[in-house]
Amino acid sequence: VKMRNHTPVTEFLLTGIPHTQGLEHALFVFFLAFYLLTLVGNLLILLATLTSSNLHTPMYFFLGNLSVFDIFFPSVSSPKMMLYLLGQSRTISYQGCTCQLFFYHFLGCTECFLYTVMAYDRFAAICHPLRYTAIMNPRVCAILTLSTWMGSSVHASVLTFLVFKLPYCGPKEVGNFFCDIPVVLPLACADTSLAHRVSVTNVGVVALLCFLLVLTSYTRIVISILRISSSEGRHRAFSTCSAHLTSVLLFYGPVILIYLRPSSSPWLDSVVPLFNNIVNPSLNPLIYSLRNKDMKLALRKRLRHSCSVSEIEIC
């Protein structure tokens, strides 16, 4: 493909969600509600895991990490999107677009790795209960967490480098509400085949490998649970895994629709990330608190303590 001799692009124009003209204010209220719910819910989960001594276990350590991710992930695209829904400029600088793409894939890959680590934690707890504390000791938990963040950083750096080493000289309309590979790459005025192949392969391999590891862990878990003689024991074991399994399914659905489908769809490219960016992070606190007695108890204690402190300050 021949290079086009034009001035390099210094900013991009976010076209937003297609077919939503006239609905800007309603969408702003909708997205703001989900964003605030995400922040409040995940901050409560994080606060509970930090302050409640009975939640200082590997399972809640990883859940706390997931809450940190769920705070930052929607913050990559939501503030800018809500500003232009209020009538502010839809333009985003070249550097801003680069940062959005990097942090979107860095945090997205971190979640993918975290779900895999959490599946391994449940596998160790249910299949090897007597050796669980030795297998998932604090050093192992720290190494696994650090590895997820470092691996995600490498993953996102490779993708960002491949996309933005290409020249961009117009057009500059990004067909979405944030910068991501499927909508930015077609704007390059050079051959994008290498970047496209590597990005699809990279995302596909990471997602598929993590999914297979999760599937393997849960296959072993199900086999172990079915061997439990009492129905109460089986129910308790299943209940400890159901929240994590629900989150995994909600995460992989959008990933498959965005990156692993054979053909592009402008509507899916905009609507499906909304679920992944805004709705899904707000659901995780509900999923993990409603189906978890320890978490519900810790949250109640935390809220009661906060109310007591407020009453003392008023007096």
Protein backbone atom coordinates (compact mmCIF):
# COMPACT_ATOMS: atom_id res chain seq x y z
CA VAL A 1 0.00 0.00 0.00
CA LYS A 2 1.43 3.39 -1.02
CA MET A 3 1.98 6.06 1.59
CA ARG A 4 -0.28 9.08 1.27
CA ASN A 5 1.61 12.36 1.40
CA HIS A 6 -0.46 14.30 3.94
CA THR A 7 0.15 16.16 7.18
CA PRO A 8 0.36 13.74 10.14
CA VAL A 9 -2.72 13.61 12.34
CA THR A 10 -2.30 15.38 15.70
CA GLU A 11 -5.78 14.61 17.02
CA PHE A 12 -8.68 12.27 16.40
CA LEU A 13 -12.43 12.83 16.40
CA LEU A 14 -14.54 10.42 18.44
CA THR A 15 -17.80 9.87 16.56
CA GLY A 16 -19.43 8.18 19.57
CA ILE A 17 -22.17 5.57 19.60
CA PRO A 18 -23.94 5.33 16.22
CA HIS A 19 -27.66 6.13 15.87
CA THR A 20 -27.93 7.93 19.23
CA GLN A 21 -28.41 11.51 18.03
CA GLY A 22 -30.77 13.39 20.33
CA LEU A 23 -30.24 10.95 23.19
CA GLU A 24 -27.07 12.55 24.55
CA HIS A 25 -28.51 13.79 27.87
CA ALA A 26 -30.34 10.54 28.58
CA LEU A 27 -27.18 8.55 27.81
CA PHE A 28 -25.15 10.88 30.04
CA VAL A 29 -27.44 10.18 33.01
CA PHE A 30 -27.38 6.44 32.26
CA PHE A 31 -23.59 6.21 31.99
CA LEU A 32 -22.99 8.52 34.96
CA ALA A 33 -25.22 6.31 37.15
CA PHE A 34 -23.31 3.17 36.14
CA TYR A 35 -19.94 4.91 36.57
CA LEU A 36 -20.80 6.12 40.10
CA LEU A 37 -22.19 2.68 40.97
CA THR A 38 -18.93 1.14 39.77
CA LEU A 39 -16.78 3.51 41.84
CA VAL A 40 -18.84 3.21 45.03
CA GLY A 41 -19.33 -0.57 44.78
CA ASN A 42 -15.69 -1.39 44.11
CA LEU A 43 -14.40 1.06 46.73
CA LEU A 44 -16.63 -0.66 49.31
CA ILE A 45 -15.33 -4.09 48.27
CA LEU A 46 -11.73 -2.83 48.44
CA LEU A 47 -12.32 -1.18 51.84
CA ALA A 48 -13.91 -4.36 53.22
CA THR A 49 -11.01 -6.57 52.06
CA LEU A 50 -8.45 -4.18 53.56
CA THR A 51 -10.10 -3.58 56.94
CA SER A 52 -11.75 -6.92 57.75
CA SER A 53 -9.28 -9.41 59.21
CA ASN A 54 -11.45 -12.41 58.27
CA LEU A 55 -11.11 -11.39 54.60
CA HIS A 56 -7.30 -11.46 54.66
CA THR A 57 -7.16 -14.63 52.55
CA PRO A 58 -5.88 -15.28 49.00
CA MET A 59 -9.42 -15.30 47.56
CA TYR A 60 -10.20 -11.81 48.86
CA PHE A 61 -6.69 -10.57 48.13
CA PHE A 62 -7.31 -11.27 44.43
CA LEU A 63 -10.84 -9.86 44.70
CA GLY A 64 -9.33 -6.64 46.05
CA ASN A 65 -7.04 -6.51 43.03
CA LEU A 66 -10.06 -7.03 40.77
CA SER A 67 -11.82 -4.12 42.49
CA VAL A 68 -8.82 -1.86 41.79
CA PHE A 69 -9.00 -2.89 38.14
CA ASP A 70 -12.77 -2.26 38.03
CA ILE A 71 -12.22 1.27 39.34
CA PHE A 72 -9.58 2.16 36.75
CA PHE A 73 -10.92 0.29 33.70
CA PRO A 74 -14.10 2.36 33.11
CA SER A 75 -12.10 5.51 33.94
CA VAL A 76 -10.09 5.02 30.73
CA SER A 77 -13.02 5.99 28.49
CA SER A 78 -16.04 7.06 30.58
CA PRO A 79 -15.02 10.62 31.62
CA LYS A 80 -14.19 11.68 28.05
CA MET A 81 -17.37 10.06 26.72
CA MET A 82 -19.57 11.81 29.30
CA LEU A 83 -17.95 15.16 28.54
CA TYR A 84 -18.80 15.01 24.85
CA LEU A 85 -22.32 13.80 25.68
CA LEU A 86 -22.67 17.13 27.52
CA GLY A 87 -21.64 19.00 24.39
CA GLN A 88 -17.89 19.28 24.98
CA SER A 89 -15.35 18.71 22.21
CA ARG A 90 -15.26 15.23 20.68
CA THR A 91 -11.60 15.56 19.74
CA ILE A 92 -8.88 13.59 21.50
CA SER A 93 -5.17 14.25 21.04
CA TYR A 94 -2.88 11.74 19.37
CA GLN A 95 -1.15 11.18 22.73
CA GLY A 96 -4.51 10.84 24.50
CA CYS A 97 -5.65 8.24 21.99
CA THR A 98 -2.38 6.33 22.48
CA CYS A 99 -2.86 6.36 26.27
CA GLN A 100 -6.47 5.19 25.98
CA LEU A 101 -5.51 2.23 23.79
CA PHE A 102 -2.57 1.26 26.03
CA PHE A 103 -4.48 1.40 29.33
CA TYR A 104 -7.57 -0.27 27.84
CA HIS A 105 -5.52 -3.33 26.83
CA PHE A 106 -3.26 -3.19 29.90
CA LEU A 107 -6.22 -3.26 32.29
CA GLY A 108 -8.24 -5.64 30.11
CA CYS A 109 -5.39 -8.15 29.99
CA THR A 110 -4.87 -7.74 33.74
CA GLU A 111 -8.49 -8.75 34.32
CA CYS A 112 -8.07 -11.75 32.02
CA PHE A 113 -4.99 -12.91 33.97
CA LEU A 114 -6.65 -12.19 37.33
CA TYR A 115 -9.66 -14.34 36.50
CA THR A 116 -7.25 -17.15 35.62
CA VAL A 117 -5.35 -16.75 38.90
CA MET A 118 -8.64 -16.65 40.84
CA ALA A 119 -9.72 -19.90 39.13
CA TYR A 120 -6.43 -21.50 40.20
CA ASP A 121 -7.02 -20.25 43.75
CA ARG A 122 -10.47 -21.91 43.82
CA PHE A 123 -8.93 -25.09 42.36
CA ALA A 124 -6.32 -25.18 45.13
CA ALA A 125 -8.94 -24.48 47.84
CA ILE A 126 -11.41 -27.17 46.73
CA CYS A 127 -9.17 -29.86 45.25
CA HIS A 128 -6.31 -29.54 47.79
CA PRO A 129 -7.89 -28.12 50.97
CA LEU A 130 -5.26 -29.52 53.35
CA ARG A 131 -2.39 -28.02 51.36
CA TYR A 132 -4.21 -24.81 50.39
CA THR A 133 -2.39 -22.46 52.79
CA ALA A 134 0.97 -23.88 51.67
CA ILE A 135 0.11 -23.66 47.95
CA MET A 136 -1.36 -20.14 48.12
CA ASN A 137 1.03 -18.61 50.63
CA PRO A 138 1.57 -14.80 50.68
CA ARG A 139 4.74 -15.04 48.57
CA VAL A 140 2.95 -17.03 45.83
CA CYS A 141 0.01 -14.58 45.87
CA ALA A 142 2.37 -11.61 45.51
CA ILE A 143 4.29 -13.27 42.65
CA LEU A 144 1.07 -14.18 40.80
CA THR A 145 -0.32 -10.65 41.18
CA LEU A 146 2.93 -8.99 40.10
CA SER A 147 3.12 -11.35 37.12
CA THR A 148 -0.38 -10.40 35.98
CA TRP A 149 0.45 -6.69 36.00
CA MET A 150 3.86 -7.13 34.33
CA GLY A 151 2.52 -9.54 31.69
CA SER A 152 -0.33 -7.16 30.92
CA SER A 153 2.11 -4.27 30.57
CA VAL A 154 4.15 -6.19 27.97
CA HIS A 155 0.97 -7.23 26.13
CA ALA A 156 -0.38 -3.67 25.95
CA SER A 157 3.02 -2.17 25.04
CA VAL A 158 3.39 -4.51 22.04
CA LEU A 159 -0.11 -3.72 20.75
CA THR A 160 0.26 0.04 21.26
CA PHE A 161 3.64 0.10 19.53
CA LEU A 162 2.35 -1.84 16.51
CA VAL A 163 -0.70 0.41 16.09
CA PHE A 164 0.97 3.79 16.57
CA LYS A 165 4.24 3.14 14.76
CA LEU A 166 2.10 3.40 11.61
CA PRO A 167 1.61 6.87 10.07
CA TYR A 168 -1.78 8.56 10.46
CA CYS A 169 -2.46 11.31 7.97
CA GLY A 170 -6.25 11.38 7.61
CA PRO A 171 -9.09 10.64 7.89
CA LYS A 172 -9.21 11.10 11.66
CA GLU A 173 -12.77 10.03 12.59
CA VAL A 174 -12.64 7.22 15.17
CA GLY A 175 -15.89 5.27 14.82
CA ASN A 176 -16.39 4.72 18.55
CA PHE A 177 -16.53 6.53 21.90
CA PHE A 178 -12.88 5.68 22.69
CA CYS A 179 -9.68 4.60 20.91
CA ASP A 180 -9.31 0.86 20.35
CA ILE A 181 -7.54 -1.25 17.73
CA PRO A 182 -10.56 -2.18 15.53
CA VAL A 183 -11.48 1.50 14.98
CA VAL A 184 -8.05 3.19 15.02
CA LEU A 185 -6.08 0.80 12.79
CA PRO A 186 -8.20 1.37 9.62
CA LEU A 187 -7.27 5.10 9.80
CA ALA A 188 -3.56 4.41 9.18
CA CYS A 189 -2.25 5.50 5.78
CA ALA A 190 0.08 2.49 5.41
CA ASP A 191 -0.14 -1.28 5.26
CA THR A 192 -1.90 -2.46 8.44
CA SER A 193 -1.84 -6.21 7.73
CA LEU A 194 1.06 -6.97 10.13
CA ALA A 195 -0.43 -4.93 12.98
CA HIS A 196 -3.85 -6.48 12.37
CA ARG A 197 -2.53 -10.06 12.34
CA VAL A 198 -0.37 -9.59 15.42
CA SER A 199 -3.10 -7.79 17.41
CA VAL A 200 -5.74 -10.42 16.61
CA THR A 201 -3.28 -13.23 17.34
CA ASN A 202 -2.02 -11.59 20.53
CA VAL A 203 -5.47 -10.87 21.96
CA GLY A 204 -6.78 -14.23 20.74
CA VAL A 205 -3.91 -16.28 22.21
CA VAL A 206 -4.06 -14.49 25.58
CA ALA A 207 -7.86 -14.80 25.84
CA LEU A 208 -7.91 -18.42 24.62
CA LEU A 209 -5.04 -19.55 26.86
CA CYS A 210 -6.61 -17.92 29.94
CA PHE A 211 -10.01 -19.37 29.09
CA LEU A 212 -8.57 -22.89 28.69
CA LEU A 213 -6.77 -22.61 32.04
CA VAL A 214 -10.01 -21.43 33.70
CA LEU A 215 -11.90 -24.28 32.01
CA THR A 216 -9.30 -26.82 33.17
CA SER A 217 -9.47 -25.52 36.75
CA TYR A 218 -13.26 -25.69 36.83
CA THR A 219 -13.33 -29.15 35.27
CA ARG A 220 -11.14 -30.40 38.11
CA ILE A 221 -13.26 -28.44 40.62
CA VAL A 222 -16.52 -29.98 39.38
CA ILE A 223 -15.03 -33.48 39.54
CA SER A 224 -13.89 -32.87 43.13
CA ILE A 225 -17.24 -31.38 44.17
CA LEU A 226 -19.18 -34.35 42.76
CA ARG A 227 -17.08 -36.63 44.97
CA ILE A 228 -18.27 -34.82 48.12
CA SER A 229 -20.76 -37.09 49.88
CA SER A 230 -22.99 -34.50 51.59
CA SER A 231 -25.31 -32.25 49.59
CA GLU A 232 -24.57 -29.37 51.98
CA GLY A 233 -20.86 -29.70 51.27
CA ARG A 234 -21.44 -29.74 47.53
CA HIS A 235 -23.69 -26.67 47.76
CA ARG A 236 -21.10 -24.78 49.83
CA ALA A 237 -18.30 -25.63 47.39
CA PHE A 238 -20.38 -24.59 44.37
CA SER A 239 -21.42 -21.31 46.03
CA THR A 240 -17.77 -20.29 46.53
CA CYS A 241 -17.18 -20.62 42.77
CA SER A 242 -20.45 -19.32 41.31
CA ALA A 243 -19.62 -15.61 41.64
CA HIS A 244 -16.24 -16.00 39.94
CA LEU A 245 -17.69 -18.17 37.18
CA THR A 246 -20.43 -15.59 36.49
CA SER A 247 -17.85 -12.80 36.18
CA VAL A 248 -15.71 -14.91 33.83
CA LEU A 249 -18.66 -15.53 31.48
CA LEU A 250 -19.60 -11.83 31.50
CA PHE A 251 -15.99 -10.94 30.66
CA TYR A 252 -15.33 -13.39 27.81
CA GLY A 253 -18.61 -12.75 25.96
CA PRO A 254 -17.71 -9.17 24.89
CA VAL A 255 -14.08 -10.12 24.19
CA ILE A 256 -15.16 -12.79 21.69
CA LEU A 257 -17.68 -10.47 20.02
CA ILE A 258 -15.19 -7.59 19.63
CA TYR A 259 -11.90 -9.25 18.68
CA LEU A 260 -12.53 -12.82 17.52
CA ARG A 261 -15.45 -12.46 15.11
CA PRO A 262 -14.60 -12.77 11.38
CA SER A 263 -16.06 -9.45 10.15
CA SER A 264 -16.33 -5.94 11.60
CA SER A 265 -19.61 -4.32 12.59
CA PRO A 266 -19.69 -0.58 13.49
CA TRP A 267 -22.71 -1.10 15.76
CA LEU A 268 -21.12 -4.01 17.66
CA ASP A 269 -17.78 -2.17 17.82
CA SER A 270 -19.53 0.59 19.80
CA VAL A 271 -22.27 -1.14 21.77
CA VAL A 272 -20.45 -4.27 22.99
CA PRO A 273 -17.54 -2.29 24.57
CA LEU A 274 -20.14 -0.29 26.52
CA PHE A 275 -21.06 -3.47 28.35
CA ASN A 276 -17.42 -4.42 28.89
CA ASN A 277 -16.28 -0.90 29.91
CA ILE A 278 -19.18 0.40 31.97
CA VAL A 279 -21.81 -2.22 32.83
CA ASN A 280 -19.59 -5.22 33.68
CA PRO A 281 -17.36 -3.41 36.26
CA SER A 282 -20.50 -2.22 38.07
CA LEU A 283 -21.88 -5.77 38.26
CA ASN A 284 -18.84 -7.39 39.89
CA PRO A 285 -19.42 -5.82 43.36
CA LEU A 286 -23.04 -7.02 43.26
CA ILE A 287 -22.06 -10.51 42.11
CA TYR A 288 -19.39 -10.95 44.77
CA SER A 289 -21.28 -9.35 47.66
CA LEU A 290 -24.77 -10.76 47.14
CA ARG A 291 -23.55 -14.37 46.91
CA ASN A 292 -20.91 -14.17 49.63
CA LYS A 293 -21.85 -14.25 53.34
CA ASP A 294 -18.40 -13.17 54.55
CA MET A 295 -18.36 -10.17 52.24
CA LYS A 296 -21.91 -9.14 53.19
CA LEU A 297 -21.02 -9.38 56.88
CA ALA A 298 -17.84 -7.33 56.40
CA LEU A 299 -19.72 -4.65 54.44
CA ARG A 300 -22.43 -4.44 57.12
CA LYS A 301 -19.81 -4.04 59.86
CA ARG A 302 -18.00 -1.37 57.84
CA LEU A 303 -21.19 0.59 57.20
CA ARG A 304 -22.25 0.33 60.86
CA HIS A 305 -18.82 1.58 61.92
CA SER A 306 -19.04 4.50 59.49
CA CYS A 307 -22.51 5.41 60.78
CA SER A 308 -21.29 5.25 64.41
CA VAL A 309 -18.32 7.52 63.64
CA SER A 310 -20.64 10.00 61.89
CA GLU A 311 -23.00 10.08 64.88
CA ILE A 312 -20.11 10.71 67.29
CA GLU A 313 -18.81 13.55 65.11
CA ILE A 314 -22.29 15.14 64.99
CA CYS A 315 -22.57 14.96 68.80
